[in-house]
């Protein structure tokens, strides 16, 4: 069934429209939108990695959420802005403007249904700017809409305890942490016999890059033919389960905080033309 990792009772598409109409306190109900991508992740991982991880983390977080906290997941967005991987078969990419329009139109639908809190859990590192732009545009149109764009890995988690210092500094794609969590979520899709280590060269300017990661624009093929940017070879399912559980705990807490959050109701304004052909703002409550 399409609810994936989510508890069925917390999967918004499983509700009828009349059930959605009758939901209590929709203004403080948190709607969670996992936003992933379909793009190459080396020869050892499936192209669905970013979608698997964000959807899996959201589902496990909702399973840990206290019963009295109203929150629902939407079906994940499975295609993203993945041009940096387009040279590898299996990568399905949208243009930035297409993804931005998609996010805005989904956000409008959430708002039109009566919800006022939308959490975007983005799993793809190539598109956070699009999520931020969509959130800002939705906020500008609707002053009572709280839209939070975030990143799956932003929450506190234990991944760092399993990573080498080089991995922490230079890994960016299909490395240790991603491989471990996919081993936990969908082990049948992982082929560890094909995993190889591959790091980008250290960026030669310490002013432009303090940690050695590329400061310039890049595509995955700049770093070799495997599509891997990191070292997945030491990843295990046991590590993945621990990482997944730590992320789920943190995200459950974040969802609960967003439910309780009351933040900056916007003051609407009217504008009047002045005698010098300018405008003055007159705030109204």
Protein backbone atom coordinates (compact mmCIF):
# COMPACT_ATOMS: atom_id res chain seq x y z
CA UNK A 1 0.00 0.00 0.00
CA UNK A 2 1.11 3.55 -0.64
CA UNK A 3 1.41 4.61 3.01
CA UNK A 4 4.90 3.08 2.94
CA UNK A 5 6.66 3.52 6.29
CA UNK A 6 3.85 5.64 7.77
CA UNK A 7 1.30 4.39 10.26
CA UNK A 8 -1.87 4.17 8.12
CA UNK A 9 -3.83 6.30 10.60
CA UNK A 10 -1.31 9.12 10.11
CA UNK A 11 -1.33 9.04 6.31
CA UNK A 12 -3.36 11.98 4.99
CA UNK A 13 -4.35 10.41 1.62
CA UNK A 14 -6.13 7.61 3.49
CA UNK A 15 -8.68 10.09 4.87
CA UNK A 16 -11.82 10.95 2.95
CA UNK A 17 -12.54 14.58 2.18
CA UNK A 18 -15.33 14.60 4.75
CA UNK A 19 -12.97 13.24 7.40
CA UNK A 20 -10.55 16.04 6.58
CA UNK A 21 -13.35 18.61 6.86
CA UNK A 22 -14.23 17.25 10.31
CA UNK A 23 -10.69 17.15 11.72
CA UNK A 24 -10.47 19.21 14.92
CA UNK A 25 -7.88 21.97 15.32
CA UNK A 26 -6.68 21.85 11.73
CA UNK A 27 -4.82 25.12 12.28
CA UNK A 28 -2.36 23.31 14.56
CA UNK A 29 -2.32 19.95 12.81
CA UNK A 30 1.11 19.35 11.29
CA UNK A 31 1.18 18.17 7.68
CA UNK A 32 4.52 16.57 6.80
CA UNK A 33 5.67 16.41 3.19
CA UNK A 34 8.68 14.14 2.52
CA UNK A 35 10.48 15.47 -0.54
CA UNK A 36 13.03 13.24 -2.20
CA UNK A 37 14.53 12.56 -5.61
CA UNK A 38 15.21 9.75 -8.07
CA UNK A 39 18.89 9.86 -8.96
CA UNK A 40 21.94 7.64 -9.16
CA UNK A 41 23.59 6.67 -5.89
CA UNK A 42 26.49 4.61 -7.16
CA UNK A 43 26.43 0.96 -8.27
CA UNK A 44 25.53 -0.32 -4.79
CA UNK A 45 22.43 1.74 -3.93
CA UNK A 46 19.07 2.25 -5.67
CA UNK A 47 18.16 5.50 -7.38
CA UNK A 48 15.37 5.98 -4.81
CA UNK A 49 17.76 6.63 -1.88
CA UNK A 50 16.73 10.21 -1.07
CA UNK A 51 13.04 9.36 -1.24
CA UNK A 52 13.48 6.17 0.79
CA UNK A 53 15.35 7.99 3.53
CA UNK A 54 13.10 11.03 3.93
CA UNK A 55 9.92 8.93 3.71
CA UNK A 56 11.35 6.31 6.06
CA UNK A 57 12.45 8.84 8.66
CA UNK A 58 9.10 10.65 8.55
CA UNK A 59 7.16 7.40 8.89
CA UNK A 60 9.22 6.22 11.85
CA UNK A 61 8.95 9.64 13.48
CA UNK A 62 5.15 9.63 13.17
CA UNK A 63 5.08 6.15 14.71
CA UNK A 64 6.87 7.57 17.77
CA UNK A 65 4.65 10.63 18.06
CA UNK A 66 2.31 10.75 21.07
CA UNK A 67 -1.26 9.79 20.14
CA UNK A 68 -2.69 13.18 21.10
CA UNK A 69 -0.46 15.17 18.73
CA UNK A 70 -2.29 15.67 15.41
CA UNK A 71 0.04 15.14 12.45
CA UNK A 72 -0.21 13.45 9.08
CA UNK A 73 2.25 12.57 6.34
CA UNK A 74 1.57 13.20 2.70
CA UNK A 75 2.76 10.85 -0.03
CA UNK A 76 6.41 11.70 -0.80
CA UNK A 77 7.54 13.70 -3.79
CA UNK A 78 9.78 11.24 -5.61
CA UNK A 79 11.29 13.45 -8.31
CA UNK A 80 13.51 16.43 -7.61
CA UNK A 81 16.08 18.81 -9.03
CA UNK A 82 18.90 16.39 -9.78
CA UNK A 83 20.82 17.88 -12.70
CA UNK A 84 24.17 17.19 -11.02
CA UNK A 85 23.52 13.48 -11.59
CA UNK A 86 21.93 13.57 -15.04
CA UNK A 87 24.91 11.93 -16.72
CA UNK A 88 24.04 8.65 -14.98
CA UNK A 89 21.14 6.48 -16.23
CA UNK A 90 18.27 6.26 -13.76
CA UNK A 91 18.43 9.90 -12.75
CA UNK A 92 15.06 11.57 -13.30
CA UNK A 93 15.31 15.32 -12.88
CA UNK A 94 12.95 18.27 -12.86
CA UNK A 95 13.93 21.83 -13.66
CA UNK A 96 14.14 24.11 -10.65
CA UNK A 97 11.14 26.13 -11.77
CA UNK A 98 9.09 22.95 -12.23
CA UNK A 99 9.87 21.76 -8.72
CA UNK A 100 9.22 25.23 -7.30
CA UNK A 101 5.81 25.35 -8.99
CA UNK A 102 5.04 21.84 -7.70
CA UNK A 103 5.91 22.78 -4.12
CA UNK A 104 3.86 25.95 -4.32
CA UNK A 105 0.80 24.21 -5.74
CA UNK A 106 0.94 21.42 -3.14
CA UNK A 107 1.34 24.05 -0.43
CA UNK A 108 -1.70 25.90 -1.74
CA UNK A 109 -3.70 22.67 -1.62
CA UNK A 110 -2.66 22.08 1.99
CA UNK A 111 -3.71 25.62 2.89
CA UNK A 112 -7.00 25.37 0.99
CA UNK A 113 -7.85 22.23 3.01
CA UNK A 114 -7.70 24.32 6.18
CA UNK A 115 -4.25 23.36 7.48
CA UNK A 116 -1.86 26.08 8.61
CA UNK A 117 1.32 24.17 9.46
CA UNK A 118 3.38 22.46 6.74
CA UNK A 119 6.70 20.74 7.41
CA UNK A 120 8.83 19.93 4.36
CA UNK A 121 11.36 17.17 5.10
CA UNK A 122 13.73 17.34 2.15
CA UNK A 123 16.00 14.37 1.52
CA UNK A 124 18.03 15.64 -1.45
CA UNK A 125 21.00 17.94 -0.93
CA UNK A 126 20.65 19.50 -4.38
CA UNK A 127 17.37 21.32 -3.76
CA UNK A 128 17.13 23.02 -0.34
CA UNK A 129 17.09 26.43 -1.99
CA UNK A 130 13.94 25.47 -3.91
CA UNK A 131 12.24 24.38 -0.67
CA UNK A 132 13.19 27.68 0.97
CA UNK A 133 11.88 29.70 -1.98
CA UNK A 134 8.56 27.84 -1.95
CA UNK A 135 8.18 28.33 1.80
CA UNK A 136 8.83 32.06 1.46
CA UNK A 137 6.39 32.47 -1.41
CA UNK A 138 3.66 30.61 0.49
CA UNK A 139 4.26 32.75 3.56
CA UNK A 140 4.04 35.95 1.55
CA UNK A 141 0.69 34.88 0.15
CA UNK A 142 -0.71 33.59 3.42
CA UNK A 143 0.26 35.38 6.63
CA UNK A 144 -1.22 32.65 8.83
CA UNK A 145 0.65 29.81 7.08
CA UNK A 146 3.71 28.41 8.89
CA UNK A 147 5.86 26.54 6.37
CA UNK A 148 9.09 24.99 7.63
CA UNK A 149 11.58 23.74 5.00
CA UNK A 150 14.18 21.46 6.54
CA UNK A 151 16.60 18.65 5.71
CA UNK A 152 16.24 15.02 6.75
CA UNK A 153 19.72 14.88 8.27
CA UNK A 154 19.50 18.24 10.07
CA UNK A 155 18.06 16.76 13.26
CA UNK A 156 20.37 15.35 15.97
CA UNK A 157 21.40 11.78 15.18
CA UNK A 158 24.14 9.27 15.91
CA UNK A 159 25.59 8.89 12.40
CA UNK A 160 28.75 10.77 13.29
CA UNK A 161 29.93 8.10 15.70
CA UNK A 162 30.33 5.64 12.81
CA UNK A 163 32.09 7.97 10.34
CA UNK A 164 35.78 8.55 9.77
CA UNK A 165 37.11 12.11 9.91
CA UNK A 166 37.58 12.06 6.13
CA UNK A 167 33.99 10.93 5.66
CA UNK A 168 32.72 13.73 7.89
CA UNK A 169 34.68 16.30 5.90
CA UNK A 170 34.33 15.15 2.28
CA UNK A 171 31.48 12.64 1.84
CA UNK A 172 28.51 14.08 -0.04
CA UNK A 173 26.67 11.29 -1.84
CA UNK A 174 26.07 7.53 -1.45
CA UNK A 175 28.59 7.31 1.36
CA UNK A 176 28.63 5.61 4.75
CA UNK A 177 25.56 7.16 6.42
CA UNK A 178 23.22 6.90 3.45
CA UNK A 179 24.26 3.32 2.80
CA UNK A 180 23.75 2.31 6.42
CA UNK A 181 20.25 3.75 6.66
CA UNK A 182 19.16 2.17 3.36
CA UNK A 183 20.49 -1.15 4.66
CA UNK A 184 18.04 -0.66 7.52
CA UNK A 185 15.09 0.55 5.43
CA UNK A 186 15.35 -1.50 2.24
CA UNK A 187 18.20 -4.03 2.48
CA UNK A 188 17.06 -5.93 -0.61
CA UNK A 189 18.02 -2.91 -2.74
CA UNK A 190 21.64 -2.69 -1.55
CA UNK A 191 24.58 -4.49 -3.17
CA UNK A 192 27.53 -4.09 -0.84
CA UNK A 193 29.79 -6.15 -3.12
CA UNK A 194 29.67 -3.18 -5.52
CA UNK A 195 30.42 -0.51 -2.92
CA UNK A 196 33.67 1.41 -3.43
CA UNK A 197 35.30 4.39 -1.74
CA UNK A 198 35.65 7.57 -3.77
CA UNK A 199 36.34 11.05 -2.42
CA UNK A 200 36.56 14.39 -4.23
CA UNK A 201 39.91 16.16 -4.21
CA UNK A 202 40.32 18.63 -1.36
CA UNK A 203 39.35 22.09 -2.57
CA UNK A 204 42.58 24.12 -2.84
CA UNK A 205 41.30 27.36 -1.26
CA UNK A 206 40.89 27.36 2.52
CA UNK A 207 39.24 30.78 2.36
CA UNK A 208 36.51 29.59 0.00
CA UNK A 209 36.18 26.16 1.63
CA UNK A 210 37.12 25.71 5.29
CA UNK A 211 36.55 21.93 5.28
CA UNK A 212 37.88 20.99 1.84
CA UNK A 213 34.52 20.36 0.19
CA UNK A 214 34.07 21.80 -3.31
CA UNK A 215 33.17 25.49 -3.12
CA UNK A 216 32.39 25.66 -6.83
CA UNK A 217 29.48 24.13 -8.68
CA UNK A 218 30.02 20.46 -9.49
CA UNK A 219 28.43 17.47 -11.14
CA UNK A 220 28.84 13.90 -9.92
CA UNK A 221 30.88 12.85 -12.92
CA UNK A 222 33.57 15.40 -11.95
CA UNK A 223 34.67 12.92 -9.29
CA UNK A 224 34.88 9.74 -11.32
CA UNK A 225 32.69 7.12 -12.98
CA UNK A 226 31.14 5.43 -9.92
CA UNK A 227 28.78 8.23 -8.85
CA UNK A 228 29.87 7.69 -5.23
CA UNK A 229 31.26 10.62 -3.24
CA UNK A 230 32.31 9.05 0.05
CA UNK A 231 33.14 5.63 1.47
CA UNK A 232 30.19 3.26 1.96
CA UNK A 233 32.26 0.12 2.43
CA UNK A 234 32.06 -0.02 6.25
CA UNK A 235 28.31 0.63 6.52
CA UNK A 236 26.11 -1.95 8.26
CA UNK A 237 22.41 -2.45 8.81
CA UNK A 238 22.94 -2.31 12.58
CA UNK A 239 24.40 1.16 12.23
CA UNK A 240 21.51 2.11 9.96
CA UNK A 241 18.89 1.09 12.51
CA UNK A 242 20.58 3.18 15.18
CA UNK A 243 20.81 6.19 12.85
CA UNK A 244 17.19 5.78 11.76
CA UNK A 245 15.94 5.52 15.34
CA UNK A 246 17.87 8.61 16.44
CA UNK A 247 16.55 10.65 13.53
CA UNK A 248 13.00 9.46 14.17
CA UNK A 249 13.18 10.45 17.83
CA UNK A 250 14.44 13.93 16.93
CA UNK A 251 11.87 14.45 14.18
CA UNK A 252 9.02 13.30 16.42
CA UNK A 253 10.05 15.94 18.94
CA UNK A 254 10.28 18.56 16.19
CA UNK A 255 6.78 17.72 14.92
CA UNK A 256 5.41 18.00 18.46
CA UNK A 257 7.10 21.37 18.90
CA UNK A 258 5.65 22.60 15.60
CA UNK A 259 2.17 21.52 16.71
CA UNK A 260 2.45 23.68 19.84
CA UNK A 261 4.25 26.55 18.13
CA UNK A 262 2.57 29.93 17.81
CA UNK A 263 4.66 32.22 15.69
CA UNK A 264 4.45 35.80 14.40
CA UNK A 265 0.92 36.32 13.10
CA UNK A 266 1.29 38.79 10.27
CA UNK A 267 -0.18 42.27 10.60
CA UNK A 268 -2.06 43.12 7.42
CA UNK A 269 -1.45 46.56 5.97
CA UNK A 270 -3.15 49.10 3.75
CA UNK A 271 -1.30 51.64 1.67
CA UNK A 272 -2.26 55.24 0.88
CA UNK A 273 -0.72 57.57 -1.69
CA UNK A 274 0.88 60.67 -0.15
CA UNK A 275 0.97 64.20 -1.54
CA UNK A 276 4.55 63.65 -2.79
CA UNK A 277 3.48 60.63 -4.89
CA UNK A 278 4.96 58.11 -2.50
CA UNK A 279 3.27 55.53 -0.30
CA UNK A 280 2.87 55.19 3.41
CA UNK A 281 1.95 52.03 5.25
CA UNK A 282 -0.93 52.01 7.69
CA UNK A 283 -0.92 48.88 9.81
CA UNK A 284 -4.18 47.45 10.94
CA UNK A 285 -4.72 44.71 13.54
